[in-house]
Amino acid sequence: MKYGREVTFSIPEASILLNVWQRMHWAKRKAYHESLCWSVRAALESEGYQRLSPFKRCKIEIDRYSSQLGDWDGVMGGLKPLFDTLVVCTKTNPLGLGVIEDDNPGCIIECPVIRQHKSTHKAAATVVTITEVLEA
């Protein structure tokens, strides 16, 4: 494969787990998603990310640091709000930042790699690396 641009950023909290997300009231979900969007935007700006065209094809790696390790299905399902923040802004997804074109298999060409790491509660974080794929 031939790779292009790469973006790495860190947000200062572990990604939410699916069970927590599903049990949230719709208003709290909206508030969480807006807060996540601002956290991702701030992290991208602190890394010097220049807003160029969104990645048309990419692969994603996520390192999740938390005091408790989650079930794999809960970790993967809980990434939905993060992915919705990374895609292009649309009428149905007004919080998209336009880093990647979409979160479908045509854009994210392989299942995201997720690694969990045990850490202290204060050191909780989510580190995201997005690599543009130019040729398969």
Foldseek 3Di string as FASTA:
>chain_A
DDWDDKAKFKFQAFQFFQVVLVPDDPVVNVVVLLVLLVRVVVRCVVVVNDDDAAFQAKAKEKEWEAQDDDDPNRSLNSCVSVQLQCADADPVRNNHPRNHPHDDCSHHVDDHHYHYDHDYHRRTMMMMMIIHDDDD
